[in-house]
N, C-alpha and C. Protein backbone atom coordinates (compact mmCIF):
# COMPACT_ATOMS: atom_id res chain seq x y z
N MET A 1 16.04 -1.86 37.22
CA MET A 1 15.99 -2.41 36.06
C MET A 1 14.31 -3.31 36.00
N SER A 2 14.28 -3.08 34.76
CA SER A 2 12.66 -3.42 34.39
C SER A 2 13.12 -4.86 34.24
N THR A 3 11.91 -5.69 34.68
CA THR A 3 11.68 -7.25 34.10
C THR A 3 10.89 -7.11 32.91
N LEU A 4 11.31 -8.13 31.98
CA LEU A 4 10.58 -8.29 30.73
C LEU A 4 9.51 -9.63 30.92
N SER A 5 8.06 -9.19 30.48
CA SER A 5 7.27 -10.20 30.90
C SER A 5 6.89 -10.58 29.82
N LYS A 6 7.09 -12.12 29.88
CA LYS A 6 7.09 -13.24 28.56
C LYS A 6 5.86 -13.93 28.73
N ASP A 7 4.69 -13.90 27.65
CA ASP A 7 3.12 -14.25 27.46
C ASP A 7 3.80 -15.73 26.98
N ARG A 8 2.43 -16.63 26.63
CA ARG A 8 2.90 -17.81 26.56
C ARG A 8 1.50 -18.02 24.89
N ILE A 9 2.21 -18.72 23.82
CA ILE A 9 1.22 -18.93 23.25
C ILE A 9 1.50 -20.71 22.97
N ASP A 10 0.35 -21.54 23.38
CA ASP A 10 0.53 -23.08 23.19
C ASP A 10 -0.20 -23.44 21.55
N VAL A 11 0.67 -24.04 21.19
CA VAL A 11 0.35 -24.73 20.05
C VAL A 11 0.76 -25.97 19.43
N ARG A 12 -0.50 -26.79 19.23
CA ARG A 12 -0.35 -28.23 18.85
C ARG A 12 -0.21 -28.44 17.40
N ILE A 13 1.01 -29.35 16.91
CA ILE A 13 0.83 -29.79 15.77
C ILE A 13 1.59 -31.13 15.84
N SER A 14 1.69 -32.07 14.93
CA SER A 14 2.02 -33.35 14.73
C SER A 14 3.42 -33.52 14.83
N LYS A 15 3.99 -34.50 15.52
CA LYS A 15 5.41 -34.91 15.66
C LYS A 15 6.02 -34.46 14.31
N GLU A 16 5.66 -35.04 13.07
CA GLU A 16 6.56 -35.02 11.95
C GLU A 16 6.91 -33.20 11.51
N GLN A 17 5.61 -32.63 11.79
CA GLN A 17 5.70 -31.12 11.88
C GLN A 17 6.74 -30.63 12.50
N LYS A 18 6.70 -30.93 13.71
CA LYS A 18 7.82 -30.31 14.95
C LYS A 18 9.03 -30.71 14.17
N GLU A 19 9.62 -31.83 14.11
CA GLU A 19 10.61 -31.92 13.63
C GLU A 19 11.03 -31.33 12.22
N PHE A 20 9.99 -31.52 11.26
CA PHE A 20 10.48 -30.61 10.16
C PHE A 20 10.82 -28.72 10.39
N VAL A 21 9.95 -28.41 11.34
CA VAL A 21 9.89 -26.93 11.67
C VAL A 21 11.20 -26.58 12.39
N LYS A 22 11.63 -27.93 13.49
CA LYS A 22 13.16 -27.78 14.11
C LYS A 22 14.40 -27.67 13.01
N TYR A 23 14.06 -28.63 12.14
CA TYR A 23 15.05 -28.82 11.01
C TYR A 23 15.24 -28.09 10.69
N ALA A 24 14.30 -26.90 10.24
CA ALA A 24 14.37 -25.38 9.32
C ALA A 24 14.74 -24.53 10.45
N SER A 25 14.63 -24.34 11.42
CA SER A 25 15.37 -23.49 12.26
C SER A 25 16.58 -24.05 12.73
N GLU A 26 16.98 -25.18 12.67
CA GLU A 26 18.28 -25.30 12.63
C GLU A 26 19.45 -25.16 11.41
N LEU A 27 18.42 -24.93 10.06
CA LEU A 27 19.27 -24.60 9.04
C LEU A 27 19.56 -23.19 9.09
N ARG A 28 18.86 -22.37 9.56
CA ARG A 28 18.77 -21.32 9.56
C ARG A 28 19.87 -20.48 11.06
N GLY A 29 20.25 -21.11 11.56
CA GLY A 29 20.64 -21.14 12.79
C GLY A 29 20.75 -20.30 13.73
N PHE A 30 19.04 -20.64 14.21
CA PHE A 30 18.11 -20.47 15.48
C PHE A 30 19.04 -21.31 16.66
N LYS A 31 18.93 -20.41 17.83
CA LYS A 31 19.17 -21.17 19.06
C LYS A 31 18.39 -21.94 19.72
N SER A 32 17.17 -21.99 19.49
CA SER A 32 16.04 -22.90 19.84
C SER A 32 14.72 -22.64 19.15
N LEU A 33 13.68 -23.89 19.31
CA LEU A 33 13.06 -23.65 18.28
C LEU A 33 12.08 -22.24 18.62
N SER A 34 12.09 -21.94 19.75
CA SER A 34 10.54 -20.75 20.13
C SER A 34 11.65 -19.79 19.60
N GLU A 35 12.72 -19.28 19.64
CA GLU A 35 13.38 -18.61 19.04
C GLU A 35 12.84 -18.25 17.09
N PHE A 36 12.77 -19.63 16.67
CA PHE A 36 12.51 -19.49 15.69
C PHE A 36 11.52 -19.41 15.19
N VAL A 37 10.37 -19.94 15.79
CA VAL A 37 8.99 -19.62 15.59
C VAL A 37 8.32 -18.15 16.14
N VAL A 38 9.13 -17.64 17.04
CA VAL A 38 8.66 -15.92 17.19
C VAL A 38 9.39 -15.70 16.20
N TYR A 39 10.46 -15.83 15.33
CA TYR A 39 11.02 -15.01 14.45
C TYR A 39 9.99 -15.12 13.18
N CYS A 40 9.31 -16.38 13.01
CA CYS A 40 8.88 -16.57 11.67
C CYS A 40 7.10 -15.49 12.30
N ILE A 41 6.96 -16.19 13.09
CA ILE A 41 5.51 -15.18 13.11
C ILE A 41 5.66 -13.61 13.07
N ASN A 42 6.57 -13.07 13.80
CA ASN A 42 6.65 -11.59 13.59
C ASN A 42 6.91 -11.35 12.06
N SER A 43 7.71 -12.11 11.83
CA SER A 43 7.76 -11.54 10.30
C SER A 43 6.71 -11.82 9.20
N GLU A 44 5.83 -13.04 9.58
CA GLU A 44 4.63 -13.16 8.93
C GLU A 44 3.57 -11.97 9.23
N ALA A 45 3.58 -11.61 10.43
CA ALA A 45 2.37 -10.68 11.13
C ALA A 45 2.92 -9.24 10.56
N ASN A 46 4.17 -9.20 10.27
CA ASN A 46 4.58 -7.81 9.96
C ASN A 46 4.10 -7.63 8.22
N LYS A 47 4.35 -8.75 7.31
CA LYS A 47 3.96 -8.53 5.76
C LYS A 47 2.22 -8.30 6.04
N ILE A 48 1.41 -9.10 7.01
CA ILE A 48 0.11 -9.22 7.03
C ILE A 48 -0.71 -7.38 7.04
N VAL A 49 0.56 -7.17 7.83
CA VAL A 49 -0.15 -5.47 8.39
C VAL A 49 0.37 -4.73 7.38
N LYS A 50 1.68 -4.83 6.78
CA LYS A 50 2.10 -4.10 5.55
C LYS A 50 0.92 -4.18 4.61
N ASP A 51 0.78 -5.52 4.27
CA ASP A 51 -0.14 -5.48 3.05
C ASP A 51 -1.73 -4.47 3.14
N ASN A 52 -2.32 -4.92 4.50
CA ASN A 52 -3.00 -4.63 5.04
C ASN A 52 -3.04 -2.65 4.72
N ASN A 53 -2.52 -2.30 5.20
CA ASN A 53 -2.14 -0.61 5.19
C ASN A 53 -2.08 -0.66 3.74
N LEU A 54 -1.66 -1.11 2.70
CA LEU A 54 -1.29 -0.84 1.64
C LEU A 54 -2.79 -1.01 0.65
N ILE A 55 -3.93 -1.93 1.20
CA ILE A 55 -4.96 -2.45 0.71
C ILE A 55 -6.02 -1.21 0.52
N VAL A 56 -5.78 -0.58 2.36
CA VAL A 56 -6.79 0.17 2.95
C VAL A 56 -6.19 1.36 2.13
N LYS A 57 -5.06 1.94 2.03
CA LYS A 57 -4.40 3.19 1.35
C LYS A 57 -4.99 3.08 -0.36
N THR A 58 -4.91 2.23 -1.07
CA THR A 58 -4.97 1.55 -2.47
C THR A 58 -6.69 2.51 -2.60
N ILE A 59 -7.72 2.01 -1.67
CA ILE A 59 -8.88 1.81 -1.38
C ILE A 59 -9.16 3.16 -1.32
N GLU A 60 -8.62 3.74 -0.28
CA GLU A 60 -8.84 5.59 -0.18
C GLU A 60 -8.71 6.16 -0.84
N ASP A 61 -7.64 6.04 -1.42
CA ASP A 61 -7.26 6.22 -3.16
C ASP A 61 -8.08 6.54 -3.80
N LYS A 62 -8.47 5.30 -4.18
CA LYS A 62 -9.98 5.21 -5.01
C LYS A 62 -11.37 6.08 -4.93
N LYS A 63 -11.19 6.00 -3.30
CA LYS A 63 -12.49 6.94 -2.97
C LYS A 63 -12.15 7.99 -3.31
N ILE A 64 -11.00 8.66 -2.98
CA ILE A 64 -10.45 10.40 -3.20
C ILE A 64 -10.44 10.54 -4.64
N PHE A 65 -10.29 9.42 -5.39
CA PHE A 65 -9.96 9.84 -6.77
C PHE A 65 -11.55 9.92 -7.32
N LEU A 66 -12.76 8.92 -7.13
CA LEU A 66 -13.94 8.70 -7.61
C LEU A 66 -14.76 9.76 -6.88
N ASN A 67 -14.34 10.29 -5.63
CA ASN A 67 -14.98 11.55 -5.71
C ASN A 67 -14.97 13.04 -6.19
N ALA A 68 -13.58 13.45 -6.61
CA ALA A 68 -12.70 14.64 -7.49
C ALA A 68 -13.67 14.05 -8.96
N ILE A 69 -14.09 13.11 -9.27
CA ILE A 69 -14.43 12.56 -10.44
C ILE A 69 -15.73 13.34 -10.56
N LEU A 70 -16.29 12.60 -9.73
CA LEU A 70 -17.86 12.85 -9.58
C LEU A 70 -18.46 13.83 -9.18
N ASN A 71 -17.51 14.86 -8.27
CA ASN A 71 -17.90 15.53 -7.40
C ASN A 71 -16.55 16.75 -7.69
N PRO A 72 -16.38 17.37 -8.92
CA PRO A 72 -15.18 18.35 -8.96
C PRO A 72 -15.31 19.85 -8.02
N PRO A 73 -14.50 20.03 -7.80
CA PRO A 73 -14.63 21.64 -7.25
C PRO A 73 -14.66 22.33 -8.28
N SER A 74 -15.40 23.46 -8.17
CA SER A 74 -15.85 24.72 -8.88
C SER A 74 -14.30 25.48 -9.30
N PRO A 75 -13.87 25.89 -10.69
CA PRO A 75 -12.59 26.12 -11.02
C PRO A 75 -12.21 27.43 -10.19
N ASN A 76 -11.27 27.90 -9.55
CA ASN A 76 -10.83 28.41 -9.43
C ASN A 76 -10.22 29.98 -9.91
N GLU A 77 -9.73 30.92 -9.62
CA GLU A 77 -9.23 32.05 -10.40
C GLU A 77 -8.05 31.78 -11.10
N LYS A 78 -6.80 31.02 -10.85
CA LYS A 78 -5.86 30.26 -11.58
C LYS A 78 -6.70 29.18 -12.94
N LEU A 79 -7.56 28.82 -12.40
CA LEU A 79 -8.03 27.87 -13.61
C LEU A 79 -8.41 28.65 -14.68
N LYS A 80 -9.28 29.77 -13.88
CA LYS A 80 -10.39 30.44 -14.75
C LYS A 80 -9.22 31.10 -16.42
N ARG A 81 -7.85 31.69 -15.11
CA ARG A 81 -7.26 32.26 -15.95
C ARG A 81 -6.44 31.42 -17.08
N ALA A 82 -6.39 30.67 -16.66
CA ALA A 82 -5.58 29.53 -17.81
C ALA A 82 -6.42 29.15 -18.69
N GLN A 83 -7.71 29.07 -18.46
CA GLN A 83 -8.30 28.90 -19.89
C GLN A 83 -8.63 30.12 -20.71
N LEU A 84 -8.65 31.06 -19.74
CA LEU A 84 -8.50 32.56 -21.22
C LEU A 84 -7.43 32.51 -21.83
N ASN A 85 -6.62 32.04 -21.04
CA ASN A 85 -4.97 32.17 -21.96
C ASN A 85 -5.60 31.56 -22.80
N TYR A 86 -5.57 29.82 -22.93
CA TYR A 86 -5.62 29.30 -23.59
C TYR A 86 -6.45 29.46 -24.93
N GLN A 87 -7.82 29.78 -24.52
CA GLN A 87 -8.68 30.16 -25.69
C GLN A 87 -8.06 31.29 -26.32
N LYS A 88 -7.02 32.52 -25.67
CA LYS A 88 -6.39 33.47 -26.48
C LYS A 88 -5.51 32.69 -27.51
N PHE A 89 -4.56 31.90 -26.92
CA PHE A 89 -3.50 31.27 -27.52
C PHE A 89 -4.48 30.24 -28.97
N LYS A 90 -5.44 29.67 -28.51
CA LYS A 90 -5.77 28.70 -29.76
C LYS A 90 -6.60 30.24 -30.93
N GLU A 91 -6.81 31.16 -30.67
CA GLU A 91 -7.64 32.14 -31.60
C GLU A 91 -6.25 32.79 -32.36
N THR A 92 -5.01 33.36 -31.70
CA THR A 92 -4.06 33.77 -31.80
C THR A 92 -3.25 32.48 -32.76
N ASN A 93 -3.15 31.80 -32.49
CA ASN A 93 -2.45 30.60 -33.57
C ASN A 93 -3.43 29.97 -34.93
N GLY A 94 -4.57 30.45 -34.69
CA GLY A 94 -5.31 29.79 -35.77
C GLY A 94 -5.67 28.64 -35.80
N PHE A 95 -5.96 28.35 -34.57
CA PHE A 95 -6.35 26.51 -33.97
C PHE A 95 -8.07 26.21 -34.30
N ASN A 96 -8.74 27.57 -33.89
CA ASN A 96 -10.18 27.57 -34.17
C ASN A 96 -10.55 26.90 -35.78
N ASN A 97 -9.82 27.57 -36.67
CA ASN A 97 -10.40 27.51 -38.01
C ASN A 97 -9.82 26.23 -39.02
N ARG A 98 -8.68 25.90 -38.48
CA ARG A 98 -8.42 24.86 -38.46
C ARG A 98 -9.17 23.74 -39.40
N SER A 99 -8.85 22.84 -40.42
CA SER A 99 -9.79 21.65 -40.63
C SER A 99 -9.07 20.48 -40.18
N THR A 100 -9.75 19.25 -39.56
CA THR A 100 -8.99 18.06 -39.85
C THR A 100 -9.01 17.27 -40.82
N LYS A 101 -9.69 17.57 -42.08
CA LYS A 101 -9.94 16.61 -43.03
C LYS A 101 -8.67 16.49 -43.85
N LYS A 102 -8.44 15.44 -44.59
CA LYS A 102 -7.09 15.08 -45.29
C LYS A 102 -7.55 14.88 -46.41
């Protein structure tokens, strides 16, 4: 059987704050004030980590996007073939000679 190690956090708050937090914990049905505090700090810590990861991913996505715009890769064979097909399509359908005047 493994033993569960408990660590401790000491926090100083005013008596009014403690009573207010205790009241909130009772409203939510927690067995103890400690249980409520642990629940709240875990919940908030999870939100902070999730938000941070989202921001980091967003920044990394922007870097990748900008790098692709500023340093585009050379066209591969499929892209070159697609460009030739498009040029042939335009020539076949008369898009090169059409006027946009009204």
